Amino acid sequence: MMNDITFAYPAFLYGLIVIPLLAARYLFISDNDTPDLKTSSIAQFENKTLIKPILRHGLFVFRCIAIGSLIIALARPQSSSSWIEESIEGIDIIISMDISSSMLAMDLSPNRLEASKNVAMDFIANRPNDRIGLVIFSGESFTQCPLTSDHAVLINLFNDIKTGIIEDGTAIGLGLATSVSRLKDSDAKSKVIILLTDGENNRGSVTPLTAADIAAAFDIRVYTIGVGTTGKAKSPVARRRDGTLIYEMMDVKIDEKTLQEISAHTDGKYFRATDNSKLAEIYEQIDALEKTKIQENNYKSTKEEYFPFAVCALAIFLLEILLRNTYFRSIP
């Protein structure tokens, strides 16, 4: 809310210039209008402070204040209060992330999984008005976080994601179906799934296209992201007894055709992230495509403020007249 003072007739304010002119005239007259008083002795005036002649100048000050207040009242000061009411229509988003062992491939830095987590967390931080949830999948799927507006909790859960916490494999259809189940009852006008994977569907009881049909039936838009370079990438192939991974250069196999069909069937879009910067660009594009709607209603009220100035001018005029004809009355 903001308060402003404006004037309906600001031209009247130029009349305030009369006050310094009156002050100059008053000083000139005061310097040249010293009264004479003949007396046989000045003894009665010795050691006496003449307060009344000094206070008499207060009458002129009162008159200037009254004139100034009257001029301001004629200019009609007005105070205005304005405020904005925002009606926010958020978007419900589920991020469905592949956490299979192949996501530890090092064609993205430090690996596909960590790069995907970091970019997704930046995406979440830039969408404070949306409810966002997280589904993870590999050989099976799991809801890591249901739809929430508490993004701090969601980001903490992102930090806990790692490979091996559920059965290995790549169940794209199951991951998508679980995401749909988290959005199907949402009353948001826009429902979105961001599905990220680096492989081909090889597990799960639900095919990717069947899950896409279900998503389309619930008016859910799916953006699919294939993560991985073209050609070969340094990928984990085994684990030693001490737990360290053994890496070899392996062919990158992403079922782009299926991912494209999923996004096309749900009015979404397919993206390919071959490195960290490309992945960040993809999330920026999705962020631009799925904008939260904010409707602003502007209100303004105006209140007349001239009355206090008019009352002040009248009161000071009356006070000046009263004092001039009583305490400061001149003797003829």
C-alpha atoms as a PDB file:
ATOM      1  CA  MET A   1       0.000   0.000   0.000  1.00  0.00           C
ATOM      2  CA  MET A   2       1.282   3.465  -0.872  1.00  0.00           C
ATOM      3  CA  ASN A   3       0.018   6.887   0.216  1.00  0.00           C
ATOM      4  CA  ASP A   4       0.453   9.925  -2.067  1.00  0.00           C
ATOM      5  CA  ILE A   5      -0.537  13.568  -1.664  1.00  0.00           C
ATOM      6  CA  THR A   6      -1.790  15.305  -4.807  1.00  0.00           C
ATOM      7  CA  PHE A   7      -3.669  18.531  -5.472  1.00  0.00           C
ATOM      8  CA  ALA A   8      -6.849  18.915  -7.501  1.00  0.00           C
ATOM      9  CA  TYR A   9      -5.975  22.559  -8.357  1.00  0.00           C
ATOM     10  CA  PRO A  10      -2.179  22.801  -8.021  1.00  0.00           C
ATOM     11  CA  ALA A  11      -2.105  26.233  -9.738  1.00  0.00           C
ATOM     12  CA  PHE A  12      -3.395  27.786  -6.493  1.00  0.00           C
ATOM     13  CA  LEU A  13      -0.101  26.844  -4.835  1.00  0.00           C
ATOM     14  CA  TYR A  14       1.601  29.634  -6.780  1.00  0.00           C
ATOM     15  CA  GLY A  15      -0.301  31.943  -4.447  1.00  0.00           C
ATOM     16  CA  LEU A  16       2.092  30.940  -1.649  1.00  0.00           C
ATOM     17  CA  ILE A  17       4.581  33.399  -3.153  1.00  0.00           C
ATOM     18  CA  VAL A  18       2.535  36.169  -1.534  1.00  0.00           C
ATOM     19  CA  ILE A  19       3.812  35.113   1.910  1.00  0.00           C
ATOM     20  CA  PRO A  20       7.493  36.063   1.378  1.00  0.00           C
ATOM     21  CA  LEU A  21       6.302  39.281  -0.304  1.00  0.00           C
ATOM     22  CA  LEU A  22       4.159  40.144   2.719  1.00  0.00           C
ATOM     23  CA  ALA A  23       7.085  39.322   5.004  1.00  0.00           C
ATOM     24  CA  ALA A  24       9.384  41.689   3.073  1.00  0.00           C
ATOM     25  CA  ARG A  25       6.784  44.470   3.212  1.00  0.00           C
ATOM     26  CA  TYR A  26       6.240  43.900   6.937  1.00  0.00           C
ATOM     27  CA  LEU A  27       9.960  44.124   7.685  1.00  0.00           C
ATOM     28  CA  PHE A  28      10.268  47.309   5.641  1.00  0.00           C
ATOM     29  CA  ILE A  29       7.347  48.984   7.449  1.00  0.00           C
ATOM     30  CA  SER A  30       8.623  47.840  10.852  1.00  0.00           C
ATOM     31  CA  ASP A  31      12.005  49.453  10.226  1.00  0.00           C
ATOM     32  CA  ASN A  32      10.446  52.792   9.220  1.00  0.00           C
ATOM     33  CA  ASP A  33       7.525  53.036  11.610  1.00  0.00           C
ATOM     34  CA  THR A  34       9.043  53.571  15.068  1.00  0.00           C
ATOM     35  CA  PRO A  35       6.504  55.355  17.321  1.00  0.00           C
ATOM     36  CA  ASP A  36       7.519  58.342  19.477  1.00  0.00           C
ATOM     37  CA  LEU A  37       6.451  58.802  23.067  1.00  0.00           C
ATOM     38  CA  LYS A  38       7.158  62.061  24.914  1.00  0.00           C
ATOM     39  CA  THR A  39       7.745  61.761  28.650  1.00  0.00           C
ATOM     40  CA  SER A  40       9.405  63.871  31.329  1.00  0.00           C
ATOM     41  CA  SER A  41      11.363  60.910  32.681  1.00  0.00           C
ATOM     42  CA  ILE A  42      12.382  57.417  31.509  1.00  0.00           C
ATOM     43  CA  ALA A  43      12.964  56.079  34.987  1.00  0.00           C
ATOM     44  CA  GLN A  44       9.821  53.982  34.834  1.00  0.00           C
ATOM     45  CA  PHE A  45      11.167  52.120  31.791  1.00  0.00           C
ATOM     46  CA  GLU A  46      14.589  51.307  33.220  1.00  0.00           C
ATOM     47  CA  ASN A  47      15.400  47.584  33.822  1.00  0.00           C
ATOM     48  CA  LYS A  48      12.150  46.531  32.181  1.00  0.00           C
ATOM     49  CA  THR A  49      11.966  44.078  29.295  1.00  0.00           C
ATOM     50  CA  LEU A  50       9.405  45.131  26.735  1.00  0.00           C
ATOM     51  CA  ILE A  51       7.858  41.737  25.820  1.00  0.00           C
ATOM     52  CA  LYS A  52       4.594  42.985  24.375  1.00  0.00           C
ATOM     53  CA  PRO A  53       6.108  44.766  21.344  1.00  0.00           C
ATOM     54  CA  ILE A  54       8.042  41.597  20.534  1.00  0.00           C
ATOM     55  CA  LEU A  55       4.996  39.371  20.881  1.00  0.00           C
ATOM     56  CA  ARG A  56       3.060  41.747  18.661  1.00  0.00           C
ATOM     57  CA  HIS A  57       4.987  40.372  15.666  1.00  0.00           C
ATOM     58  CA  GLY A  58       3.236  37.076  16.333  1.00  0.00           C
ATOM     59  CA  LEU A  59       0.074  38.594  14.843  1.00  0.00           C
ATOM     60  CA  PHE A  60       1.819  38.838  11.490  1.00  0.00           C
ATOM     61  CA  VAL A  61       3.057  35.243  11.793  1.00  0.00           C
ATOM     62  CA  PHE A  62      -0.514  34.119  12.501  1.00  0.00           C
ATOM     63  CA  ARG A  63      -1.727  35.989   9.440  1.00  0.00           C
ATOM     64  CA  CYS A  64       0.905  34.345   7.204  1.00  0.00           C
ATOM     65  CA  ILE A  65       0.019  30.891   8.529  1.00  0.00           C
ATOM     66  CA  ALA A  66      -3.682  31.574   7.948  1.00  0.00           C
ATOM     67  CA  ILE A  67      -3.090  32.800   4.394  1.00  0.00           C
ATOM     68  CA  GLY A  68      -0.859  29.808   3.621  1.00  0.00           C
ATOM     69  CA  SER A  69      -3.412  27.353   5.026  1.00  0.00           C
ATOM     70  CA  LEU A  70      -6.199  29.004   3.013  1.00  0.00           C
ATOM     71  CA  ILE A  71      -4.190  28.798  -0.221  1.00  0.00           C
ATOM     72  CA  ILE A  72      -3.424  25.110   0.388  1.00  0.00           C
ATOM     73  CA  ALA A  73      -7.105  24.443   1.129  1.00  0.00           C
ATOM     74  CA  LEU A  74      -8.079  26.126  -2.167  1.00  0.00           C
ATOM     75  CA  ALA A  75      -5.606  23.849  -4.005  1.00  0.00           C
ATOM     76  CA  ARG A  76      -7.605  20.894  -2.595  1.00  0.00           C
ATOM     77  CA  PRO A  77      -5.003  18.441  -1.308  1.00  0.00           C
ATOM     78  CA  GLN A  78      -5.977  14.798  -1.709  1.00  0.00           C
ATOM     79  CA  SER A  79      -4.419  11.666  -0.279  1.00  0.00           C
ATOM     80  CA  SER A  80      -4.577   8.516  -2.332  1.00  0.00           C
ATOM     81  CA  SER A  81      -4.039   4.945  -1.272  1.00  0.00           C
ATOM     82  CA  SER A  82      -3.258   2.303  -3.860  1.00  0.00           C
ATOM     83  CA  TRP A  83      -2.712  -1.406  -3.516  1.00  0.00           C
ATOM     84  CA  ILE A  84      -2.419  -4.485  -5.651  1.00  0.00           C
ATOM     85  CA  GLU A  85      -4.171  -7.766  -5.054  1.00  0.00           C
ATOM     86  CA  GLU A  86      -2.526 -10.748  -6.710  1.00  0.00           C
ATOM     87  CA  SER A  87      -4.384 -13.880  -7.682  1.00  0.00           C
ATOM     88  CA  ILE A  88      -1.822 -16.623  -8.276  1.00  0.00           C
ATOM     89  CA  GLU A  89      -2.698 -19.674 -10.328  1.00  0.00           C
ATOM     90  CA  GLY A  90       0.148 -22.131  -9.753  1.00  0.00           C
ATOM     91  CA  ILE A  91       1.138 -25.200 -11.720  1.00  0.00           C
ATOM     92  CA  ASP A  92       1.413 -28.719 -10.305  1.00  0.00           C
ATOM     93  CA  ILE A  93       4.629 -30.384 -11.466  1.00  0.00           C
ATOM     94  CA  ILE A  94       6.020 -33.865 -10.902  1.00  0.00           C
ATOM     95  CA  ILE A  95       9.689 -34.440 -11.685  1.00  0.00           C
ATOM     96  CA  SER A  96      10.103 -38.113 -12.608  1.00  0.00           C
ATOM     97  CA  MET A  97      13.794 -39.017 -12.475  1.00  0.00           C
ATOM     98  CA  ASP A  98      15.621 -42.152 -13.571  1.00  0.00           C
ATOM     99  CA  ILE A  99      18.083 -43.285 -10.852  1.00  0.00           C
ATOM    100  CA  SER A 100      19.292 -46.494 -12.491  1.00  0.00           C
ATOM    101  CA  SER A 101      22.992 -47.371 -12.276  1.00  0.00           C
ATOM    102  CA  SER A 102      23.590 -46.063 -15.806  1.00  0.00           C
ATOM    103  CA  MET A 103      22.855 -42.565 -14.463  1.00  0.00           C
ATOM    104  CA  LEU A 104      26.347 -42.719 -12.909  1.00  0.00           C
ATOM    105  CA  ALA A 105      27.857 -42.408 -16.408  1.00  0.00           C
ATOM    106  CA  MET A 106      30.348 -39.559 -16.507  1.00  0.00           C
ATOM    107  CA  ASP A 107      29.488 -37.867 -19.818  1.00  0.00           C
ATOM    108  CA  LEU A 108      27.877 -35.160 -17.661  1.00  0.00           C
ATOM    109  CA  SER A 109      29.826 -33.721 -14.751  1.00  0.00           C
ATOM    110  CA  PRO A 110      30.307 -35.232 -12.219  1.00  0.00           C
ATOM    111  CA  ASN A 111      27.810 -37.786 -13.535  1.00  0.00           C
ATOM    112  CA  ARG A 112      24.340 -37.824 -15.083  1.00  0.00           C
ATOM    113  CA  LEU A 113      22.513 -38.252 -11.779  1.00  0.00           C
ATOM    114  CA  GLU A 114      24.252 -35.449  -9.877  1.00  0.00           C
ATOM    115  CA  ALA A 115      23.991 -33.067 -12.833  1.00  0.00           C
ATOM    116  CA  SER A 116      20.269 -33.841 -13.157  1.00  0.00           C
ATOM    117  CA  LYS A 117      19.699 -33.297  -9.429  1.00  0.00           C
ATOM    118  CA  ASN A 118      21.538 -29.949  -9.404  1.00  0.00           C
ATOM    119  CA  VAL A 119      19.701 -28.530 -12.415  1.00  0.00           C
ATOM    120  CA  ALA A 120      16.337 -29.751 -11.121  1.00  0.00           C
ATOM    121  CA  MET A 121      16.948 -28.089  -7.744  1.00  0.00           C
ATOM    122  CA  ASP A 122      17.709 -24.786  -9.486  1.00  0.00           C
ATOM    123  CA  PHE A 123      14.474 -25.181 -11.440  1.00  0.00           C
ATOM    124  CA  ILE A 124      12.522 -25.732  -8.199  1.00  0.00           C
ATOM    125  CA  ALA A 125      14.082 -22.675  -6.540  1.00  0.00           C
ATOM    126  CA  ASN A 126      12.899 -20.480  -9.428  1.00  0.00           C
ATOM    127  CA  ARG A 127       9.235 -21.560  -9.153  1.00  0.00           C
ATOM    128  CA  PRO A 128       8.086 -20.473  -5.672  1.00  0.00           C
ATOM    129  CA  ASN A 129       4.376 -20.391  -6.576  1.00  0.00           C
ATOM    130  CA  ASP A 130       4.076 -23.967  -7.834  1.00  0.00           C
ATOM    131  CA  ARG A 131       3.501 -27.263  -6.077  1.00  0.00           C
ATOM    132  CA  ILE A 132       6.213 -29.715  -7.096  1.00  0.00           C
ATOM    133  CA  GLY A 133       6.701 -33.397  -6.328  1.00  0.00           C
ATOM    134  CA  LEU A 134       9.341 -36.020  -7.037  1.00  0.00           C
ATOM    135  CA  VAL A 135       9.059 -39.581  -8.349  1.00  0.00           C
ATOM    136  CA  ILE A 136      12.141 -41.752  -8.788  1.00  0.00           C
ATOM    137  CA  PHE A 137      12.357 -44.917 -10.842  1.00  0.00           C
ATOM    138  CA  SER A 138      14.760 -47.570 -12.032  1.00  0.00           C
ATOM    139  CA  GLY A 139      13.518 -51.202 -12.066  1.00  0.00           C
ATOM    140  CA  GLU A 140      10.506 -49.993 -10.043  1.00  0.00           C
ATOM    141  CA  SER A 141       9.119 -46.583  -9.134  1.00  0.00           C
ATOM    142  CA  PHE A 142       8.717 -44.747  -5.861  1.00  0.00           C
ATOM    143  CA  THR A 143       7.243 -41.414  -4.785  1.00  0.00           C
ATOM    144  CA  GLN A 144      10.090 -39.628  -3.065  1.00  0.00           C
ATOM    145  CA  CYS A 145       7.958 -36.533  -2.349  1.00  0.00           C
ATOM    146  CA  PRO A 146       4.271 -35.848  -3.098  1.00  0.00           C
ATOM    147  CA  LEU A 147       3.170 -32.479  -4.414  1.00  0.00           C
ATOM    148  CA  THR A 148       4.268 -29.781  -1.999  1.00  0.00           C
ATOM    149  CA  SER A 149       4.778 -26.038  -1.836  1.00  0.00           C
ATOM    150  CA  ASP A 150       7.472 -26.535   0.822  1.00  0.00           C
ATOM    151  CA  HIS A 151      10.373 -26.453  -1.583  1.00  0.00           C
ATOM    152  CA  ALA A 152      13.000 -26.564   1.166  1.00  0.00           C
ATOM    153  CA  VAL A 153      11.788 -30.036   2.150  1.00  0.00           C
ATOM    154  CA  LEU A 154      11.686 -31.105  -1.493  1.00  0.00           C
ATOM    155  CA  ILE A 155      15.259 -29.962  -2.131  1.00  0.00           C
ATOM    156  CA  ASN A 156      16.452 -31.851   0.940  1.00  0.00           C
ATOM    157  CA  LEU A 157      14.823 -34.998  -0.438  1.00  0.00           C
ATOM    158  CA  PHE A 158      16.568 -34.393  -3.771  1.00  0.00           C
ATOM    159  CA  ASN A 159      19.888 -34.418  -1.947  1.00  0.00           C
ATOM    160  CA  ASP A 160      19.079 -37.907  -0.607  1.00  0.00           C
ATOM    161  CA  ILE A 161      18.638 -39.439  -4.055  1.00  0.00           C
ATOM    162  CA  LYS A 162      21.233 -42.028  -5.046  1.00  0.00           C
ATOM    163  CA  THR A 163      21.393 -45.137  -7.159  1.00  0.00           C
ATOM    164  CA  GLY A 164      20.711 -48.497  -5.563  1.00  0.00           C
ATOM    165  CA  ILE A 165      17.943 -47.444  -3.183  1.00  0.00           C
ATOM    166  CA  ILE A 166      15.443 -49.353  -5.329  1.00  0.00           C
ATOM    167  CA  GLU A 167      15.810 -52.293  -7.716  1.00  0.00           C
ATOM    168  CA  ASP A 168      17.947 -51.543 -10.763  1.00  0.00           C
ATOM    169  CA  GLY A 169      16.640 -51.360 -14.331  1.00  0.00           C
ATOM    170  CA  THR A 170      14.732 -48.786 -16.387  1.00  0.00           C
ATOM    171  CA  ALA A 171      10.955 -48.852 -15.937  1.00  0.00           C
ATOM    172  CA  ILE A 172      10.028 -45.683 -17.831  1.00  0.00           C
ATOM    173  CA  GLY A 173       6.347 -46.618 -18.107  1.00  0.00           C
ATOM    174  CA  LEU A 174       6.080 -47.366 -14.402  1.00  0.00           C
ATOM    175  CA  GLY A 175       7.812 -44.102 -13.473  1.00  0.00           C
ATOM    176  CA  LEU A 176       5.416 -42.181 -15.705  1.00  0.00           C
ATOM    177  CA  ALA A 177       2.347 -44.035 -14.387  1.00  0.00           C
ATOM    178  CA  THR A 178       3.331 -43.312 -10.773  1.00  0.00           C
ATOM    179  CA  SER A 179       3.747 -39.649 -11.651  1.00  0.00           C
ATOM    180  CA  VAL A 180       0.311 -39.577 -13.264  1.00  0.00           C
ATOM    181  CA  SER A 181      -1.242 -41.079 -10.136  1.00  0.00           C
ATOM    182  CA  ARG A 182       0.202 -38.164  -8.136  1.00  0.00           C
ATOM    183  CA  LEU A 183      -1.348 -35.589 -10.492  1.00  0.00           C
ATOM    184  CA  LYS A 184      -4.645 -37.096 -11.596  1.00  0.00           C
ATOM    185  CA  ASP A 185      -6.647 -35.687  -8.659  1.00  0.00           C
ATOM    186  CA  SER A 186      -5.033 -32.259  -8.801  1.00  0.00           C
ATOM    187  CA  ASP A 187      -7.397 -29.310  -9.313  1.00  0.00           C
ATOM    188  CA  ALA A 188      -4.656 -27.166 -10.873  1.00  0.00           C
ATOM    189  CA  LYS A 189      -5.481 -25.912 -14.343  1.00  0.00           C
ATOM    190  CA  SER A 190      -2.038 -26.906 -15.561  1.00  0.00           C
ATOM    191  CA  LYS A 191      -0.480 -30.277 -14.688  1.00  0.00           C
ATOM    192  CA  VAL A 192       2.994 -31.170 -15.877  1.00  0.00           C
ATOM    193  CA  ILE A 193       5.413 -34.115 -15.659  1.00  0.00           C
ATOM    194  CA  ILE A 194       9.109 -33.715 -16.412  1.00  0.00           C
ATOM    195  CA  LEU A 195      10.411 -37.226 -17.124  1.00  0.00           C
ATOM    196  CA  LEU A 196      14.183 -37.675 -17.287  1.00  0.00           C
ATOM    197  CA  THR A 197      15.905 -40.905 -18.312  1.00  0.00           C
ATOM    198  CA  ASP A 198      19.095 -42.109 -19.966  1.00  0.00           C
ATOM    199  CA  GLY A 199      17.998 -45.481 -21.303  1.00  0.00           C
ATOM    200  CA  GLU A 200      15.394 -47.767 -22.778  1.00  0.00           C
ATOM    201  CA  ASN A 201      12.359 -49.243 -21.050  1.00  0.00           C
ATOM    202  CA  ASN A 202      13.263 -52.772 -19.918  1.00  0.00           C
ATOM    203  CA  ARG A 203      11.281 -53.289 -16.724  1.00  0.00           C
ATOM    204  CA  GLY A 204       7.837 -52.706 -15.275  1.00  0.00           C
ATOM    205  CA  SER A 205       4.303 -53.871 -15.942  1.00  0.00           C
ATOM    206  CA  VAL A 206       3.193 -50.642 -17.660  1.00  0.00           C
ATOM    207  CA  THR A 207       4.493 -49.702 -21.092  1.00  0.00           C
ATOM    208  CA  PRO A 208       5.588 -46.083 -21.642  1.00  0.00           C
ATOM    209  CA  LEU A 209       2.932 -45.415 -24.288  1.00  0.00           C
ATOM    210  CA  THR A 210       0.161 -46.864 -22.106  1.00  0.00           C
ATOM    211  CA  ALA A 211       1.267 -44.508 -19.320  1.00  0.00           C
ATOM    212  CA  ALA A 212       1.260 -41.677 -21.877  1.00  0.00           C
ATOM    213  CA  ASP A 213      -2.348 -42.536 -22.797  1.00  0.00           C
ATOM    214  CA  ILE A 214      -3.318 -42.308 -19.129  1.00  0.00           C
ATOM    215  CA  ALA A 215      -1.526 -38.964 -18.796  1.00  0.00           C
ATOM    216  CA  ALA A 216      -3.344 -37.579 -21.835  1.00  0.00           C
ATOM    217  CA  ALA A 217      -6.687 -38.765 -20.411  1.00  0.00           C
ATOM    218  CA  PHE A 218      -6.067 -36.663 -17.301  1.00  0.00           C
ATOM    219  CA  ASP A 219      -4.907 -33.668 -19.374  1.00  0.00           C
ATOM    220  CA  ILE A 220      -1.351 -33.955 -18.067  1.00  0.00           C
ATOM    221  CA  ARG A 221       1.432 -32.582 -20.256  1.00  0.00           C
ATOM    222  CA  VAL A 222       4.690 -34.576 -20.268  1.00  0.00           C
ATOM    223  CA  TYR A 223       8.089 -33.115 -21.102  1.00  0.00           C
ATOM    224  CA  THR A 224      10.648 -35.870 -21.705  1.00  0.00           C
ATOM    225  CA  ILE A 225      14.416 -35.460 -21.418  1.00  0.00           C
ATOM    226  CA  GLY A 226      16.955 -37.943 -22.746  1.00  0.00           C
ATOM    227  CA  VAL A 227      20.205 -37.561 -20.805  1.00  0.00           C
ATOM    228  CA  GLY A 228      23.492 -38.662 -22.335  1.00  0.00           C
ATOM    229  CA  THR A 229      26.023 -37.797 -24.979  1.00  0.00           C
ATOM    230  CA  THR A 230      25.991 -39.248 -28.476  1.00  0.00           C
ATOM    231  CA  GLY A 231      28.253 -42.210 -29.168  1.00  0.00           C
ATOM    232  CA  LYS A 232      30.019 -43.706 -26.147  1.00  0.00           C
ATOM    233  CA  ALA A 233      30.280 -42.643 -22.523  1.00  0.00           C
ATOM    234  CA  LYS A 234      32.298 -43.747 -19.522  1.00  0.00           C
ATOM    235  CA  SER A 235      29.707 -45.892 -17.717  1.00  0.00           C
ATOM    236  CA  PRO A 236      29.690 -48.229 -14.694  1.00  0.00           C
ATOM    237  CA  VAL A 237      29.714 -51.904 -15.621  1.00  0.00           C
ATOM    238  CA  ALA A 238      30.517 -53.633 -12.313  1.00  0.00           C
ATOM    239  CA  ARG A 239      31.376 -53.044  -8.689  1.00  0.00           C
ATOM    240  CA  ARG A 240      34.450 -54.298  -6.858  1.00  0.00           C
ATOM    241  CA  ARG A 241      34.270 -55.962  -3.457  1.00  0.00           C
ATOM    242  CA  ASP A 242      35.267 -52.721  -1.764  1.00  0.00           C
ATOM    243  CA  GLY A 243      32.289 -50.969  -3.363  1.00  0.00           C
ATOM    244  CA  THR A 244      34.141 -48.951  -5.988  1.00  0.00           C
ATOM    245  CA  LEU A 245      32.693 -48.933  -9.470  1.00  0.00           C
ATOM    246  CA  ILE A 246      34.393 -50.244 -12.583  1.00  0.00           C
ATOM    247  CA  TYR A 247      33.894 -47.966 -15.608  1.00  0.00           C
ATOM    248  CA  GLU A 248      34.195 -48.764 -19.316  1.00  0.00           C
ATOM    249  CA  MET A 249      33.330 -46.856 -22.473  1.00  0.00           C
ATOM    250  CA  MET A 250      29.836 -48.017 -23.396  1.00  0.00           C
ATOM    251  CA  ASP A 251      27.368 -47.144 -26.150  1.00  0.00           C
ATOM    252  CA  VAL A 252      24.757 -44.572 -25.099  1.00  0.00           C
ATOM    253  CA  LYS A 253      21.325 -46.058 -25.824  1.00  0.00           C
ATOM    254  CA  ILE A 254      18.347 -43.760 -25.308  1.00  0.00           C
ATOM    255  CA  ASP A 255      14.940 -44.696 -26.693  1.00  0.00           C
ATOM    256  CA  GLU A 256      14.373 -41.265 -28.221  1.00  0.00           C
ATOM    257  CA  LYS A 257      11.529 -42.509 -30.417  1.00  0.00           C
ATOM    258  CA  THR A 258       9.452 -43.588 -27.399  1.00  0.00           C
ATOM    259  CA  LEU A 259      10.258 -40.391 -25.482  1.00  0.00           C
ATOM    260  CA  GLN A 260       9.215 -38.309 -28.486  1.00  0.00           C
ATOM    261  CA  GLU A 261       5.941 -40.247 -28.784  1.00  0.00           C
ATOM    262  CA  ILE A 262       5.194 -39.748 -25.083  1.00  0.00           C
ATOM    263  CA  SER A 263       5.662 -35.974 -25.296  1.00  0.00           C
ATOM    264  CA  ALA A 264       3.807 -35.676 -28.607  1.00  0.00           C
ATOM    265  CA  HIS A 265       0.852 -37.698 -27.286  1.00  0.00           C
ATOM    266  CA  THR A 266       0.519 -35.443 -24.228  1.00  0.00           C
ATOM    267  CA  ASP A 267       1.089 -32.103 -25.967  1.00  0.00           C
ATOM    268  CA  GLY A 268       4.539 -31.850 -24.390  1.00  0.00           C
ATOM    269  CA  LYS A 269       8.021 -31.708 -25.898  1.00  0.00           C
ATOM    270  CA  TYR A 270      11.115 -33.915 -26.098  1.00  0.00           C
ATOM    271  CA  PHE A 271      14.619 -32.650 -25.317  1.00  0.00           C
ATOM    272  CA  ARG A 272      18.087 -34.206 -25.536  1.00  0.00           C
ATOM    273  CA  ALA A 273      20.690 -33.202 -22.934  1.00  0.00           C
ATOM    274  CA  THR A 274      24.167 -34.118 -24.107  1.00  0.00           C
ATOM    275  CA  ASP A 275      26.031 -32.069 -21.477  1.00  0.00           C
ATOM    276  CA  ASN A 276      25.474 -29.964 -18.339  1.00  0.00           C
ATOM    277  CA  SER A 277      24.843 -26.690 -20.120  1.00  0.00           C
ATOM    278  CA  LYS A 278      22.344 -28.273 -22.505  1.00  0.00           C
ATOM    279  CA  LEU A 279      20.484 -29.799 -19.546  1.00  0.00           C
ATOM    280  CA  ALA A 280      20.310 -26.393 -17.849  1.00  0.00           C
ATOM    281  CA  GLU A 281      19.005 -24.841 -21.093  1.00  0.00           C
ATOM    282  CA  ILE A 282      16.275 -27.498 -21.301  1.00  0.00           C
ATOM    283  CA  TYR A 283      14.972 -26.681 -17.833  1.00  0.00           C
ATOM    284  CA  GLU A 284      15.058 -22.981 -18.726  1.00  0.00           C
ATOM    285  CA  GLN A 285      12.936 -23.707 -21.799  1.00  0.00           C
ATOM    286  CA  ILE A 286      10.431 -25.707 -19.750  1.00  0.00           C
ATOM    287  CA  ASP A 287      10.369 -22.897 -17.189  1.00  0.00           C
ATOM    288  CA  ALA A 288       9.512 -20.439 -19.975  1.00  0.00           C
ATOM    289  CA  LEU A 289       6.855 -22.746 -21.474  1.00  0.00           C
ATOM    290  CA  GLU A 290       5.105 -23.356 -18.154  1.00  0.00           C
ATOM    291  CA  LYS A 291       4.609 -19.913 -16.641  1.00  0.00           C
ATOM    292  CA  THR A 292       2.628 -19.469 -13.449  1.00  0.00           C
ATOM    293  CA  LYS A 293      -0.334 -17.151 -14.048  1.00  0.00           C
ATOM    294  CA  ILE A 294      -0.449 -14.104 -11.789  1.00  0.00           C
ATOM    295  CA  GLN A 295      -3.456 -11.820 -12.137  1.00  0.00           C
ATOM    296  CA  GLU A 296      -3.055  -8.354 -10.643  1.00  0.00           C
ATOM    297  CA  ASN A 297      -5.987  -6.200  -9.565  1.00  0.00           C
ATOM    298  CA  ASN A 298      -5.077  -2.563  -8.942  1.00  0.00           C
ATOM    299  CA  TYR A 299      -7.144  -0.508  -6.508  1.00  0.00           C
ATOM    300  CA  LYS A 300      -6.963   3.180  -5.631  1.00  0.00           C
ATOM    301  CA  SER A 301      -8.952   5.345  -3.235  1.00  0.00           C
ATOM    302  CA  THR A 302      -8.815   9.140  -2.912  1.00  0.00           C
ATOM    303  CA  LYS A 303      -9.610  11.194   0.181  1.00  0.00           C
ATOM    304  CA  GLU A 304     -10.057  14.988   0.360  1.00  0.00           C
ATOM    305  CA  GLU A 305      -7.617  16.583   2.800  1.00  0.00           C
ATOM    306  CA  TYR A 306      -8.470  20.290   2.426  1.00  0.00           C
ATOM    307  CA  PHE A 307     -10.789  20.519   5.452  1.00  0.00           C
ATOM    308  CA  PRO A 308      -8.052  20.621   8.162  1.00  0.00           C
ATOM    309  CA  PHE A 309      -6.302  23.447   6.283  1.00  0.00           C
ATOM    310  CA  ALA A 310      -9.549  25.414   5.926  1.00  0.00           C
ATOM    311  CA  VAL A 311     -10.310  25.005   9.645  1.00  0.00           C
ATOM    312  CA  CYS A 312      -6.746  26.011  10.525  1.00  0.00           C
ATOM    313  CA  ALA A 313      -6.985  29.156   8.365  1.00  0.00           C
ATOM    314  CA  LEU A 314     -10.314  30.180   9.924  1.00  0.00           C
ATOM    315  CA  ALA A 315      -9.173  29.483  13.484  1.00  0.00           C
ATOM    316  CA  ILE A 316      -5.943  31.447  13.104  1.00  0.00           C
ATOM    317  CA  PHE A 317      -7.761  34.383  11.439  1.00  0.00           C
ATOM    318  CA  LEU A 318     -10.201  34.521  14.363  1.00  0.00           C
ATOM    319  CA  LEU A 319      -7.344  34.239  16.882  1.00  0.00           C
ATOM    320  CA  GLU A 320      -5.506  37.112  15.212  1.00  0.00           C
ATOM    321  CA  ILE A 321      -8.603  39.325  15.268  1.00  0.00           C
ATOM    322  CA  LEU A 322      -9.240  38.473  18.916  1.00  0.00           C
ATOM    323  CA  LEU A 323      -5.671  39.234  20.008  1.00  0.00           C
ATOM    324  CA  ARG A 324      -5.491  42.393  17.917  1.00  0.00           C
ATOM    325  CA  ASN A 325      -8.614  43.765  19.576  1.00  0.00           C
ATOM    326  CA  THR A 326      -7.782  42.680  23.141  1.00  0.00           C
ATOM    327  CA  TYR A 327      -4.240  42.107  24.319  1.00  0.00           C
ATOM    328  CA  PHE A 328      -2.600  43.938  21.393  1.00  0.00           C
ATOM    329  CA  ARG A 329      -5.259  46.652  21.016  1.00  0.00           C
ATOM    330  CA  SER A 330      -3.821  49.980  19.852  1.00  0.00           C
ATOM    331  CA  ILE A 331      -4.662  53.169  21.779  1.00  0.00           C
ATOM    332  CA  PRO A 332      -5.774  55.984  19.416  1.00  0.00           C
END
